[in-house]
C-alpha cells in the first residue's frame, strides 16, 4: 500500500489560542516560586548535569 500524505490548513488564531492557554497554565504553575528558589534549583540542575556528562567530552 503506497503512503499518502495530506495537508490541512488551520486558522492561525487556533495556534495562538493554544499557546496563550499553555503560557497561562505554566505561569500559574511556576509563577509563585521566588527568584531565589528558582536560582538555587537551576544551579543544582547545572551541577547535576555537569556530573552526568563529566568525562564524556
Protein backbone atom coordinates (compact mmCIF):
# COMPACT_ATOMS: atom_id res chain seq x y z
CA UNK A 1 0.00 0.00 0.00
CA UNK A 2 1.54 3.35 -1.01
CA UNK A 3 1.94 6.14 1.52
CA UNK A 4 -0.35 9.12 1.03
CA UNK A 5 0.46 12.46 2.58
CA UNK A 6 -2.22 15.01 3.33
CA UNK A 7 -2.14 18.61 4.41
CA UNK A 8 -4.73 20.79 6.06
CA UNK A 9 -4.89 24.49 6.66
CA UNK A 10 -5.93 25.89 10.01
CA UNK A 11 -6.56 29.43 11.02
CA UNK A 12 -3.52 30.91 12.73
CA UNK A 13 -5.67 32.09 15.62
CA UNK A 14 -6.16 28.48 16.69
CA UNK A 15 -2.44 28.13 17.34
CA UNK A 16 -2.26 31.47 19.18
CA UNK A 17 -5.10 30.45 21.47
CA UNK A 18 -3.40 27.18 22.41
CA UNK A 19 -0.10 28.94 23.05
CA UNK A 20 -1.76 31.52 25.25
CA UNK A 21 -3.52 28.78 27.22
CA UNK A 22 -0.28 26.87 27.74
CA UNK A 23 1.55 30.02 28.79
CA UNK A 24 -1.21 30.83 31.28
CA UNK A 25 -1.06 27.33 32.73
CA UNK A 26 2.73 27.45 33.05
CA UNK A 27 2.61 30.86 34.72
CA UNK A 28 0.02 29.63 37.20
CA UNK A 29 2.07 26.55 38.00
CA UNK A 30 5.52 28.10 38.25
CA UNK A 31 4.77 31.77 38.82
CA UNK A 32 4.65 31.57 42.60
CA UNK A 33 8.25 30.38 43.04
CA UNK A 34 10.61 33.01 44.31
CA UNK A 35 13.59 34.04 42.23
CA UNK A 36 15.92 32.74 44.94
CA UNK A 37 14.29 29.32 44.90
CA UNK A 38 14.39 29.17 41.12
CA UNK A 39 18.03 30.27 41.02
CA UNK A 40 19.02 27.60 43.55
CA UNK A 41 17.12 24.95 41.59
CA UNK A 42 18.74 25.99 38.30
CA UNK A 43 22.21 25.89 39.84
CA UNK A 44 21.57 22.42 41.30
CA UNK A 45 20.42 21.18 37.88
CA UNK A 46 23.53 22.62 36.18
CA UNK A 47 25.75 20.93 38.77
CA UNK A 48 23.96 17.60 38.30
CA UNK A 49 24.25 17.91 34.52
CA UNK A 50 27.99 18.58 34.78
CA UNK A 51 28.39 15.47 36.94
CA UNK A 52 26.44 13.34 34.46
CA UNK A 53 28.49 14.36 31.42
CA UNK A 54 31.87 14.59 33.12
CA UNK A 55 34.42 12.62 31.16
CA UNK A 56 32.18 12.26 28.09
CA UNK A 57 33.76 15.15 26.21
